[in-house]
Amino acid sequence: MAEIINLRMARKHKARADKAAQAAQNRISFGRTKAEKQLSAAQKALADKKIAGHQRDDKDQETP
């Protein structure tokens, strides 16, 4: 015979497992130290500055 399970409890266990998996993903995504956040912000600023330095100014080359 099949094992009898309580569906209400099974749903609760599944919800708890889903919440735990989401919490683990959030810890990976958002659980960074202040130093790590500052480092990534500095790297992004440097990359933006480098890209901005390579942009062309088309208004300088327009002929009147």
Protein backbone atom coordinates (compact mmCIF):
# COMPACT_ATOMS: atom_id res chain seq x y z
CA MET A 1 0.00 0.00 0.00
CA ALA A 2 0.99 3.59 -0.51
CA GLU A 3 2.09 5.74 2.35
CA ILE A 4 -0.58 8.13 3.56
CA ILE A 5 0.57 11.74 3.72
CA ASN A 6 -1.08 14.86 5.03
CA LEU A 7 -1.33 17.25 2.06
CA ARG A 8 -1.54 20.32 4.27
CA MET A 9 1.73 19.42 5.96
CA ALA A 10 3.33 18.53 2.62
CA ARG A 11 2.42 22.00 1.26
CA LYS A 12 3.86 23.64 4.36
CA HIS A 13 7.11 21.66 4.06
CA LYS A 14 7.38 22.59 0.38
CA ALA A 15 6.77 26.27 1.17
CA ARG A 16 9.46 26.20 3.86
CA ALA A 17 11.93 24.56 1.49
CA ASP A 18 11.16 27.16 -1.20
CA LYS A 19 11.67 29.99 1.30
CA ALA A 20 14.98 28.50 2.41
CA ALA A 21 16.16 28.21 -1.20
CA GLN A 22 15.17 31.84 -1.88
CA ALA A 23 16.96 32.97 1.28
CA ALA A 24 20.11 31.15 0.20
CA GLN A 25 19.96 32.82 -3.22
CA ASN A 26 19.47 36.24 -1.59
CA ARG A 27 22.47 35.67 0.67
CA ILE A 28 24.57 35.03 -2.40
CA SER A 29 23.19 38.01 -4.31
CA PHE A 30 22.94 40.66 -1.62
CA GLY A 31 25.13 39.42 1.20
CA ARG A 32 28.26 41.36 0.33
CA THR A 33 30.46 43.26 2.73
CA LYS A 34 30.82 47.02 2.59
CA ALA A 35 34.35 46.70 1.20
CA GLU A 36 33.13 44.42 -1.61
CA LYS A 37 30.36 46.90 -2.48
CA GLN A 38 32.83 49.80 -2.54
CA LEU A 39 35.26 47.82 -4.69
CA SER A 40 32.62 46.95 -7.27
CA ALA A 41 31.37 50.58 -7.29
CA ALA A 42 34.92 51.82 -7.88
CA GLN A 43 35.45 49.31 -10.69
CA LYS A 44 32.17 50.34 -12.30
CA ALA A 45 33.08 54.05 -12.05
CA LEU A 46 36.47 53.35 -13.63
CA ALA A 47 34.87 51.41 -16.49
CA ASP A 48 32.31 54.18 -17.07
CA LYS A 49 35.08 56.80 -17.12
CA LYS A 50 37.08 54.73 -19.60
CA ILE A 51 34.07 54.30 -21.90
CA ALA A 52 33.19 58.00 -21.67
CA GLY A 53 36.75 58.89 -22.67
CA HIS A 54 36.41 56.93 -25.91
CA GLN A 55 33.18 58.60 -27.03
CA ARG A 56 33.27 60.80 -30.10
CA ASP A 57 32.07 64.36 -30.07
CA ASP A 58 30.19 64.66 -33.37
CA LYS A 59 29.23 68.27 -32.79
CA ASP A 60 32.92 69.29 -33.14
CA GLN A 61 33.07 67.84 -36.66
CA GLU A 62 29.87 69.40 -38.02
CA THR A 63 30.31 71.78 -40.94
CA PRO A 64 28.31 75.04 -40.84
